[in-house]
Amino acid sequence: MHNELERPFGFQLHQLVGHLIKNNVRIPPVVRQAALAFEDESWAGLDDETKRTRVREIAADTEAPSDINRHFESYPHPFSKKQYTKYLGALKNYKMTLGL
């Protein structure tokens, strides 16, 4: 499955990972693997069930009450918090297209 909300999710995921790298925050393996799959364009070739499984895992590692969510709650810069909010919106929209 490839849909119009897949690319925005991949873009926002890259933004999230870039922030985490810059701030020396541990990146969960499934988040790193997904970001790399978007980068090398292999994500689009995954079957629907694999995408659903990985997105569930990504959500668990990045939404509340995850360590990443706590990082952004306490982060002092509004711009980064806004970027995280954009990521969460893209994640939510993409999850809906996957039936999650």
PDB file of N, CA and C in Angstrom:
ATOM      1  N   MET A   1       0.848  -1.176   0.000  1.00  0.00           N
ATOM      2  CA  MET A   1       0.000   0.000   0.000  1.00  0.00           C
ATOM      3  C   MET A   1       0.895   1.242   0.000  1.00  0.00           C
ATOM      4  N   HIS A   2       0.573   2.146  -0.865  1.00  0.00           N
ATOM      5  CA  HIS A   2       1.227   3.457  -0.845  1.00  0.00           C
ATOM      6  C   HIS A   2       0.114   4.480  -0.873  1.00  0.00           C
ATOM      7  N   ASN A   3       0.133   5.392   0.042  1.00  0.00           N
ATOM      8  CA  ASN A   3      -0.914   6.398   0.064  1.00  0.00           C
ATOM      9  C   ASN A   3      -0.323   7.779   0.236  1.00  0.00           C
ATOM     10  N   GLU A   4      -1.170   8.779   0.066  1.00  0.00           N
ATOM     11  CA  GLU A   4      -0.701  10.163   0.083  1.00  0.00           C
ATOM     12  C   GLU A   4      -0.191  10.607   1.451  1.00  0.00           C
ATOM     13  N   LEU A   5      -0.488   9.875   2.508  1.00  0.00           N
ATOM     14  CA  LEU A   5      -0.028  10.265   3.842  1.00  0.00           C
ATOM     15  C   LEU A   5       1.240   9.526   4.271  1.00  0.00           C
ATOM     16  N   GLU A   6       1.696   8.611   3.429  1.00  0.00           N
ATOM     17  CA  GLU A   6       2.912   7.862   3.750  1.00  0.00           C
ATOM     18  C   GLU A   6       4.145   8.765   3.672  1.00  0.00           C
ATOM     19  N   ARG A   7       4.255   9.539   2.606  1.00  0.00           N
ATOM     20  CA  ARG A   7       5.424  10.405   2.426  1.00  0.00           C
ATOM     21  C   ARG A   7       5.520  11.476   3.528  1.00  0.00           C
ATOM     22  N   PRO A   8       4.414  12.169   3.880  1.00  0.00           N
ATOM     23  CA  PRO A   8       4.513  13.146   4.982  1.00  0.00           C
ATOM     24  C   PRO A   8       4.928  12.494   6.308  1.00  0.00           C
ATOM     25  N   PHE A   9       4.451  11.279   6.550  1.00  0.00           N
ATOM     26  CA  PHE A   9       4.871  10.580   7.764  1.00  0.00           C
ATOM     27  C   PHE A   9       6.372  10.311   7.724  1.00  0.00           C
ATOM     28  N   GLY A  10       6.866   9.827   6.593  1.00  0.00           N
ATOM     29  CA  GLY A  10       8.296   9.559   6.466  1.00  0.00           C
ATOM     30  C   GLY A  10       9.123  10.817   6.657  1.00  0.00           C
ATOM     31  N   PHE A  11       8.668  11.944   6.094  1.00  0.00           N
ATOM     32  CA  PHE A  11       9.376  13.211   6.249  1.00  0.00           C
ATOM     33  C   PHE A  11       9.423  13.621   7.718  1.00  0.00           C
ATOM     34  N   GLN A  12       8.287  13.566   8.391  1.00  0.00           N
ATOM     35  CA  GLN A  12       8.239  13.962   9.801  1.00  0.00           C
ATOM     36  C   GLN A  12       9.046  13.005  10.672  1.00  0.00           C
ATOM     37  N   LEU A  13       9.060  11.741  10.311  1.00  0.00           N
ATOM     38  CA  LEU A  13       9.881  10.769  11.046  1.00  0.00           C
ATOM     39  C   LEU A  13      11.355  11.140  10.930  1.00  0.00           C
ATOM     40  N   HIS A  14      11.796  11.551   9.751  1.00  0.00           N
ATOM     41  CA  HIS A  14      13.180  11.995   9.583  1.00  0.00           C
ATOM     42  C   HIS A  14      13.478  13.233  10.424  1.00  0.00           C
ATOM     43  N   GLN A  15      12.536  14.154  10.492  1.00  0.00           N
ATOM     44  CA  GLN A  15      12.712  15.341  11.320  1.00  0.00           C
ATOM     45  C   GLN A  15      12.884  14.939  12.787  1.00  0.00           C
ATOM     46  N   LEU A  16      12.063  14.013  13.225  1.00  0.00           N
ATOM     47  CA  LEU A  16      12.132  13.524  14.606  1.00  0.00           C
ATOM     48  C   LEU A  16      13.497  12.896  14.884  1.00  0.00           C
ATOM     49  N   VAL A  17      13.932  12.023  13.999  1.00  0.00           N
ATOM     50  CA  VAL A  17      15.217  11.339  14.191  1.00  0.00           C
ATOM     51  C   VAL A  17      16.367  12.344  14.188  1.00  0.00           C
ATOM     52  N   GLY A  18      16.307  13.316  13.296  1.00  0.00           N
ATOM     53  CA  GLY A  18      17.354  14.344  13.270  1.00  0.00           C
ATOM     54  C   GLY A  18      17.443  15.091  14.589  1.00  0.00           C
ATOM     55  N   HIS A  19      16.293  15.438  15.154  1.00  0.00           N
ATOM     56  CA  HIS A  19      16.274  16.122  16.449  1.00  0.00           C
ATOM     57  C   HIS A  19      16.882  15.223  17.525  1.00  0.00           C
ATOM     58  N   LEU A  20      16.505  13.956  17.533  1.00  0.00           N
ATOM     59  CA  LEU A  20      17.007  13.040  18.555  1.00  0.00           C
ATOM     60  C   LEU A  20      18.515  12.879  18.447  1.00  0.00           C
ATOM     61  N   ILE A  21      19.023  12.776  17.223  1.00  0.00           N
ATOM     62  CA  ILE A  21      20.474  12.664  17.032  1.00  0.00           C
ATOM     63  C   ILE A  21      21.163  13.922  17.551  1.00  0.00           C
ATOM     64  N   LYS A  22      20.650  15.073  17.150  1.00  0.00           N
ATOM     65  CA  LYS A  22      21.236  16.354  17.555  1.00  0.00           C
ATOM     66  C   LYS A  22      21.288  16.501  19.074  1.00  0.00           C
ATOM     67  N   ASN A  23      20.294  15.963  19.751  1.00  0.00           N
ATOM     68  CA  ASN A  23      20.192  16.109  21.196  1.00  0.00           C
ATOM     69  C   ASN A  23      20.662  14.880  21.966  1.00  0.00           C
ATOM     70  N   ASN A  24      21.323  13.964  21.250  1.00  0.00           N
ATOM     71  CA  ASN A  24      21.893  12.783  21.882  1.00  0.00           C
ATOM     72  C   ASN A  24      20.864  11.992  22.690  1.00  0.00           C
ATOM     73  N   VAL A  25      19.691  11.803  22.078  1.00  0.00           N
ATOM     74  CA  VAL A  25      18.614  11.022  22.697  1.00  0.00           C
ATOM     75  C   VAL A  25      18.595   9.652  22.024  1.00  0.00           C
ATOM     76  N   ARG A  26      18.446   8.611  22.823  1.00  0.00           N
ATOM     77  CA  ARG A  26      18.412   7.237  22.295  1.00  0.00           C
ATOM     78  C   ARG A  26      17.272   7.101  21.286  1.00  0.00           C
ATOM     79  N   ILE A  27      17.594   6.553  20.126  1.00  0.00           N
ATOM     80  CA  ILE A  27      16.597   6.305  19.082  1.00  0.00           C
ATOM     81  C   ILE A  27      16.221   4.829  19.144  1.00  0.00           C
ATOM     82  N   PRO A  28      14.961   4.529  19.387  1.00  0.00           N
ATOM     83  CA  PRO A  28      14.545   3.125  19.422  1.00  0.00           C
ATOM     84  C   PRO A  28      14.844   2.441  18.078  1.00  0.00           C
ATOM     85  N   PRO A  29      15.267   1.194  18.119  1.00  0.00           N
ATOM     86  CA  PRO A  29      15.647   0.497  16.879  1.00  0.00           C
ATOM     87  C   PRO A  29      14.576   0.533  15.791  1.00  0.00           C
ATOM     88  N   VAL A  30      13.327   0.316  16.138  1.00  0.00           N
ATOM     89  CA  VAL A  30      12.279   0.297  15.109  1.00  0.00           C
ATOM     90  C   VAL A  30      12.104   1.672  14.463  1.00  0.00           C
ATOM     91  N   VAL A  31      12.319   2.730  15.227  1.00  0.00           N
ATOM     92  CA  VAL A  31      12.233   4.092  14.683  1.00  0.00           C
ATOM     93  C   VAL A  31      13.393   4.331  13.721  1.00  0.00           C
ATOM     94  N   ARG A  32      14.577   3.935  14.125  1.00  0.00           N
ATOM     95  CA  ARG A  32      15.761   4.078  13.261  1.00  0.00           C
ATOM     96  C   ARG A  32      15.587   3.267  11.984  1.00  0.00           C
ATOM     97  N   GLN A  33      15.141   2.029  12.113  1.00  0.00           N
ATOM     98  CA  GLN A  33      14.960   1.167  10.941  1.00  0.00           C
ATOM     99  C   GLN A  33      13.916   1.740   9.987  1.00  0.00           C
ATOM    100  N   ALA A  34      12.841   2.277  10.521  1.00  0.00           N
ATOM    101  CA  ALA A  34      11.800   2.862   9.669  1.00  0.00           C
ATOM    102  C   ALA A  34      12.327   4.101   8.950  1.00  0.00           C
ATOM    103  N   ALA A  35      13.059   4.948   9.658  1.00  0.00           N
ATOM    104  CA  ALA A  35      13.622   6.143   9.024  1.00  0.00           C
ATOM    105  C   ALA A  35      14.557   5.746   7.890  1.00  0.00           C
ATOM    106  N   LEU A  36      15.358   4.730   8.113  1.00  0.00           N
ATOM    107  CA  LEU A  36      16.254   4.254   7.056  1.00  0.00           C
ATOM    108  C   LEU A  36      15.475   3.664   5.887  1.00  0.00           C
ATOM    109  N   ALA A  37      14.374   2.973   6.175  1.00  0.00           N
ATOM    110  CA  ALA A  37      13.546   2.399   5.106  1.00  0.00           C
ATOM    111  C   ALA A  37      12.896   3.491   4.260  1.00  0.00           C
ATOM    112  N   PHE A  38      12.512   4.601   4.893  1.00  0.00           N
ATOM    113  CA  PHE A  38      11.995   5.719   4.107  1.00  0.00           C
ATOM    114  C   PHE A  38      13.119   6.340   3.280  1.00  0.00           C
ATOM    115  N   GLU A  39      14.290   6.429   3.877  1.00  0.00           N
ATOM    116  CA  GLU A  39      15.421   7.042   3.180  1.00  0.00           C
ATOM    117  C   GLU A  39      15.831   6.247   1.946  1.00  0.00           C
ATOM    118  N   ASP A  40      15.889   4.928   2.071  1.00  0.00           N
ATOM    119  CA  ASP A  40      16.295   4.113   0.908  1.00  0.00           C
ATOM    120  C   ASP A  40      15.103   3.678   0.054  1.00  0.00           C
ATOM    121  N   GLU A  41      13.930   4.203   0.398  1.00  0.00           N
ATOM    122  CA  GLU A  41      12.687   3.984  -0.350  1.00  0.00           C
ATOM    123  C   GLU A  41      12.200   2.544  -0.338  1.00  0.00           C
ATOM    124  N   SER A  42      12.626   1.773   0.645  1.00  0.00           N
ATOM    125  CA  SER A  42      12.150   0.389   0.749  1.00  0.00           C
ATOM    126  C   SER A  42      10.838   0.293   1.529  1.00  0.00           C
ATOM    127  N   TRP A  43      10.487   1.348   2.266  1.00  0.00           N
ATOM    128  CA  TRP A  43       9.242   1.320   3.050  1.00  0.00           C
ATOM    129  C   TRP A  43       8.032   1.061   2.146  1.00  0.00           C
ATOM    130  N   ALA A  44       7.959   1.737   1.015  1.00  0.00           N
ATOM    131  CA  ALA A  44       6.810   1.617   0.117  1.00  0.00           C
ATOM    132  C   ALA A  44       6.596   0.184  -0.357  1.00  0.00           C
ATOM    133  N   GLY A  45       7.648  -0.608  -0.406  1.00  0.00           N
ATOM    134  CA  GLY A  45       7.544  -1.985  -0.865  1.00  0.00           C
ATOM    135  C   GLY A  45       7.129  -2.987   0.202  1.00  0.00           C
ATOM    136  N   LEU A  46       6.996  -2.534   1.435  1.00  0.00           N
ATOM    137  CA  LEU A  46       6.582  -3.441   2.509  1.00  0.00           C
ATOM    138  C   LEU A  46       5.109  -3.785   2.357  1.00  0.00           C
ATOM    139  N   ASP A  47       4.736  -4.987   2.780  1.00  0.00           N
ATOM    140  CA  ASP A  47       3.321  -5.352   2.736  1.00  0.00           C
ATOM    141  C   ASP A  47       2.558  -4.626   3.845  1.00  0.00           C
ATOM    142  N   ASP A  48       1.255  -4.551   3.687  1.00  0.00           N
ATOM    143  CA  ASP A  48       0.410  -3.782   4.601  1.00  0.00           C
ATOM    144  C   ASP A  48       0.544  -4.234   6.055  1.00  0.00           C
ATOM    145  N   GLU A  49       0.579  -5.519   6.285  1.00  0.00           N
ATOM    146  CA  GLU A  49       0.640  -6.002   7.667  1.00  0.00           C
ATOM    147  C   GLU A  49       1.973  -5.637   8.321  1.00  0.00           C
ATOM    148  N   THR A  50       3.058  -5.693   7.578  1.00  0.00           N
ATOM    149  CA  THR A  50       4.360  -5.297   8.112  1.00  0.00           C
ATOM    150  C   THR A  50       4.352  -3.814   8.463  1.00  0.00           C
ATOM    151  N   LYS A  51       3.769  -2.989   7.584  1.00  0.00           N
ATOM    152  CA  LYS A  51       3.668  -1.556   7.870  1.00  0.00           C
ATOM    153  C   LYS A  51       2.853  -1.318   9.133  1.00  0.00           C
ATOM    154  N   ARG A  52       1.724  -2.006   9.263  1.00  0.00           N
ATOM    155  CA  ARG A  52       0.890  -1.823  10.461  1.00  0.00           C
ATOM    156  C   ARG A  52       1.648  -2.203  11.729  1.00  0.00           C
ATOM    157  N   THR A  53       2.350  -3.325  11.679  1.00  0.00           N
ATOM    158  CA  THR A  53       3.112  -3.778  12.851  1.00  0.00           C
ATOM    159  C   THR A  53       4.188  -2.762  13.220  1.00  0.00           C
ATOM    160  N   ARG A  54       4.920  -2.298  12.235  1.00  0.00           N
ATOM    161  CA  ARG A  54       6.002  -1.343  12.518  1.00  0.00           C
ATOM    162  C   ARG A  54       5.460   0.003  13.006  1.00  0.00           C
ATOM    163  N   VAL A  55       4.366   0.454  12.418  1.00  0.00           N
ATOM    164  CA  VAL A  55       3.800   1.733  12.848  1.00  0.00           C
ATOM    165  C   VAL A  55       3.268   1.626  14.277  1.00  0.00           C
ATOM    166  N   ARG A  56       2.688   0.498  14.644  1.00  0.00           N
ATOM    167  CA  ARG A  56       2.271   0.299  16.042  1.00  0.00           C
ATOM    168  C   ARG A  56       3.478   0.420  16.972  1.00  0.00           C
ATOM    169  N   GLU A  57       4.589  -0.204  16.594  1.00  0.00           N
ATOM    170  CA  GLU A  57       5.800  -0.166  17.419  1.00  0.00           C
ATOM    171  C   GLU A  57       6.379   1.253  17.468  1.00  0.00           C
ATOM    172  N   ILE A  58       6.387   1.937  16.333  1.00  0.00           N
ATOM    173  CA  ILE A  58       6.878   3.316  16.288  1.00  0.00           C
ATOM    174  C   ILE A  58       6.033   4.199  17.196  1.00  0.00           C
ATOM    175  N   ALA A  59       4.727   4.039  17.121  1.00  0.00           N
ATOM    176  CA  ALA A  59       3.820   4.831  17.959  1.00  0.00           C
ATOM    177  C   ALA A  59       4.097   4.568  19.441  1.00  0.00           C
ATOM    178  N   ALA A  60       4.285   3.319  19.805  1.00  0.00           N
ATOM    179  CA  ALA A  60       4.554   2.988  21.203  1.00  0.00           C
ATOM    180  C   ALA A  60       5.853   3.636  21.685  1.00  0.00           C
ATOM    181  N   ASP A  61       6.818   3.768  20.780  1.00  0.00           N
ATOM    182  CA  ASP A  61       8.116   4.342  21.145  1.00  0.00           C
ATOM    183  C   ASP A  61       8.168   5.867  21.058  1.00  0.00           C
ATOM    184  N   THR A  62       7.148   6.497  20.459  1.00  0.00           N
ATOM    185  CA  THR A  62       7.224   7.946  20.258  1.00  0.00           C
ATOM    186  C   THR A  62       6.052   8.731  20.826  1.00  0.00           C
ATOM    187  N   GLU A  63       4.904   8.100  21.028  1.00  0.00           N
ATOM    188  CA  GLU A  63       3.753   8.796  21.609  1.00  0.00           C
ATOM    189  C   GLU A  63       3.840   8.743  23.130  1.00  0.00           C
ATOM    190  N   ALA A  64       2.961   9.499  23.795  1.00  0.00           N
ATOM    191  CA  ALA A  64       2.894   9.449  25.257  1.00  0.00           C
ATOM    192  C   ALA A  64       2.543   8.034  25.677  1.00  0.00           C
ATOM    193  N   PRO A  65       3.117   7.510  26.686  1.00  0.00           N
ATOM    194  CA  PRO A  65       4.035   8.060  27.685  1.00  0.00           C
ATOM    195  C   PRO A  65       5.482   7.664  27.448  1.00  0.00           C
ATOM    196  N   SER A  66       5.925   7.636  26.216  1.00  0.00           N
ATOM    197  CA  SER A  66       7.276   7.179  25.880  1.00  0.00           C
ATOM    198  C   SER A  66       8.358   8.147  26.362  1.00  0.00           C
ATOM    199  N   ASP A  67       9.593   7.656  26.360  1.00  0.00           N
ATOM    200  CA  ASP A  67      10.736   8.507  26.707  1.00  0.00           C
ATOM    201  C   ASP A  67      10.858   9.677  25.730  1.00  0.00           C
ATOM    202  N   ILE A  68      10.565   9.432  24.470  1.00  0.00           N
ATOM    203  CA  ILE A  68      10.648  10.497  23.468  1.00  0.00           C
ATOM    204  C   ILE A  68       9.602  11.570  23.757  1.00  0.00           C
ATOM    205  N   ASN A  69       8.400  11.163  24.110  1.00  0.00           N
ATOM    206  CA  ASN A  69       7.364  12.128  24.466  1.00  0.00           C
ATOM    207  C   ASN A  69       7.791  12.951  25.678  1.00  0.00           C
ATOM    208  N   ARG A  70       8.350  12.296  26.667  1.00  0.00           N
ATOM    209  CA  ARG A  70       8.814  13.019  27.863  1.00  0.00           C
ATOM    210  C   ARG A  70       9.937  13.992  27.513  1.00  0.00           C
ATOM    211  N   HIS A  71      10.810  13.598  26.589  1.00  0.00           N
ATOM    212  CA  HIS A  71      11.880  14.487  26.147  1.00  0.00           C
ATOM    213  C   HIS A  71      11.286  15.777  25.584  1.00  0.00           C
ATOM    214  N   PHE A  72      10.309  15.642  24.712  1.00  0.00           N
ATOM    215  CA  PHE A  72       9.726  16.836  24.095  1.00  0.00           C
ATOM    216  C   PHE A  72       8.887  17.649  25.072  1.00  0.00           C
ATOM    217  N   GLU A  73       8.243  16.997  26.028  1.00  0.00           N
ATOM    218  CA  GLU A  73       7.486  17.748  27.041  1.00  0.00           C
ATOM    219  C   GLU A  73       8.396  18.670  27.835  1.00  0.00           C
ATOM    220  N   SER A  74       9.616  18.232  28.083  1.00  0.00           N
ATOM    221  CA  SER A  74      10.530  19.034  28.889  1.00  0.00           C
ATOM    222  C   SER A  74      11.503  19.867  28.053  1.00  0.00           C
ATOM    223  N   TYR A  75      11.433  19.756  26.739  1.00  0.00           N
ATOM    224  CA  TYR A  75      12.375  20.473  25.876  1.00  0.00           C
ATOM    225  C   TYR A  75      12.059  21.968  25.897  1.00  0.00           C
ATOM    226  N   PRO A  76      13.086  22.818  26.026  1.00  0.00           N
ATOM    227  CA  PRO A  76      12.828  24.245  26.229  1.00  0.00           C
ATOM    228  C   PRO A  76      12.486  25.066  24.979  1.00  0.00           C
ATOM    229  N   HIS A  77      12.694  24.538  23.789  1.00  0.00           N
ATOM    230  CA  HIS A  77      12.507  25.351  22.594  1.00  0.00           C
ATOM    231  C   HIS A  77      11.154  25.085  21.932  1.00  0.00           C
ATOM    232  N   PRO A  78      10.330  26.128  21.773  1.00  0.00           N
ATOM    233  CA  PRO A  78       9.003  25.972  21.161  1.00  0.00           C
ATOM    234  C   PRO A  78       9.047  25.415  19.734  1.00  0.00           C
ATOM    235  N   PHE A  79      10.067  25.771  18.957  1.00  0.00           N
ATOM    236  CA  PHE A  79      10.146  25.273  17.583  1.00  0.00           C
ATOM    237  C   PHE A  79      10.199  23.751  17.561  1.00  0.00           C
ATOM    238  N   SER A  80      11.036  23.168  18.398  1.00  0.00           N
ATOM    239  CA  SER A  80      11.165  21.712  18.439  1.00  0.00           C
ATOM    240  C   SER A  80       9.882  21.061  18.918  1.00  0.00           C
ATOM    241  N   LYS A  81       9.220  21.680  19.876  1.00  0.00           N
ATOM    242  CA  LYS A  81       7.938  21.145  20.343  1.00  0.00           C
ATOM    243  C   LYS A  81       6.905  21.181  19.219  1.00  0.00           C
ATOM    244  N   LYS A  82       6.929  22.246  18.425  1.00  0.00           N
ATOM    245  CA  LYS A  82       6.009  22.357  17.299  1.00  0.00           C
ATOM    246  C   LYS A  82       6.304  21.270  16.262  1.00  0.00           C
ATOM    247  N   GLN A  83       7.576  21.008  16.008  1.00  0.00           N
ATOM    248  CA  GLN A  83       7.953  19.953  15.065  1.00  0.00           C
ATOM    249  C   GLN A  83       7.466  18.588  15.563  1.00  0.00           C
ATOM    250  N   TYR A  84       7.577  18.356  16.855  1.00  0.00           N
ATOM    251  CA  TYR A  84       7.095  17.091  17.425  1.00  0.00           C
ATOM    252  C   TYR A  84       5.583  16.988  17.262  1.00  0.00           C
ATOM    253  N   THR A  85       4.879  18.085  17.447  1.00  0.00           N
ATOM    254  CA  THR A  85       3.429  18.094  17.257  1.00  0.00           C
ATOM    255  C   THR A  85       3.088  17.764  15.803  1.00  0.00           C
ATOM    256  N   LYS A  86       3.858  18.294  14.867  1.00  0.00           N
ATOM    257  CA  LYS A  86       3.648  17.968  13.453  1.00  0.00           C
ATOM    258  C   LYS A  86       3.886  16.480  13.206  1.00  0.00           C
ATOM    259  N   TYR A  87       4.933  15.943  13.826  1.00  0.00           N
ATOM    260  CA  TYR A  87       5.206  14.510  13.700  1.00  0.00           C
ATOM    261  C   TYR A  87       4.018  13.702  14.207  1.00  0.00           C
ATOM    262  N   LEU A  88       3.511  14.060  15.392  1.00  0.00           N
ATOM    263  CA  LEU A  88       2.386  13.317  15.961  1.00  0.00           C
ATOM    264  C   LEU A  88       1.162  13.385  15.053  1.00  0.00           C
ATOM    265  N   GLY A  89       0.933  14.529  14.420  1.00  0.00           N
ATOM    266  CA  GLY A  89      -0.181  14.657  13.492  1.00  0.00           C
ATOM    267  C   GLY A  89      -0.012  13.760  12.274  1.00  0.00           C
ATOM    268  N   ALA A  90       1.206  13.727  11.736  1.00  0.00           N
ATOM    269  CA  ALA A  90       1.477  12.870  10.577  1.00  0.00           C
ATOM    270  C   ALA A  90       1.341  11.399  10.958  1.00  0.00           C
ATOM    271  N   LEU A  91       1.807  11.043  12.140  1.00  0.00           N
ATOM    272  CA  LEU A  91       1.678   9.673  12.628  1.00  0.00           C
ATOM    273  C   LEU A  91       0.205   9.300  12.774  1.00  0.00           C
ATOM    274  N   LYS A  92      -0.567  10.171  13.385  1.00  0.00           N
ATOM    275  CA  LYS A  92      -2.001   9.912  13.581  1.00  0.00           C
ATOM    276  C   LYS A  92      -2.705   9.707  12.241  1.00  0.00           C
ATOM    277  N   ASN A  93      -2.440  10.596  11.282  1.00  0.00           N
ATOM    278  CA  ASN A  93      -3.074  10.487   9.969  1.00  0.00           C
ATOM    279  C   ASN A  93      -2.663   9.208   9.255  1.00  0.00           C
ATOM    280  N   TYR A  94      -1.391   8.863   9.335  1.00  0.00           N
ATOM    281  CA  TYR A  94      -0.915   7.662   8.663  1.00  0.00           C
ATOM    282  C   TYR A  94      -1.496   6.413   9.329  1.00  0.00           C
ATOM    283  N   LYS A  95      -1.568   6.419  10.644  1.00  0.00           N
ATOM    284  CA  LYS A  95      -2.172   5.284  11.347  1.00  0.00           C
ATOM    285  C   LYS A  95      -3.611   5.073  10.875  1.00  0.00           C
ATOM    286  N   MET A  96      -4.349   6.147  10.702  1.00  0.00           N
ATOM    287  CA  MET A  96      -5.749   6.014  10.255  1.00  0.00           C
ATOM    288  C   MET A  96      -5.811   5.381   8.875  1.00  0.00           C
ATOM    289  N   THR A  97      -4.890   5.726   7.977  1.00  0.00           N
ATOM    290  CA  THR A  97      -4.929   5.142   6.632  1.00  0.00           C
ATOM    291  C   THR A  97      -4.587   3.668   6.649  1.00  0.00           C
ATOM    292  N   LEU A  98      -3.866   3.253   7.693  1.00  0.00           N
ATOM    293  CA  LEU A  98      -3.516   1.835   7.832  1.00  0.00           C
ATOM    294  C   LEU A  98      -4.573   1.057   8.622  1.00  0.00           C
ATOM    295  N   GLY A  99      -5.608   1.760   9.072  1.00  0.00           N
ATOM    296  CA  GLY A  99      -6.663   1.100   9.842  1.00  0.00           C
ATOM    297  C   GLY A  99      -6.284   0.870  11.288  1.00  0.00           C
ATOM    298  N   LEU A 100      -5.413   1.699  11.833  1.00  0.00           N
ATOM    299  CA  LEU A 100      -4.968   1.551  13.226  1.00  0.00           C
ATOM    300  C   LEU A 100      -5.648   2.573  14.113  1.00  0.00           C
TER     301      LEU A 100
END
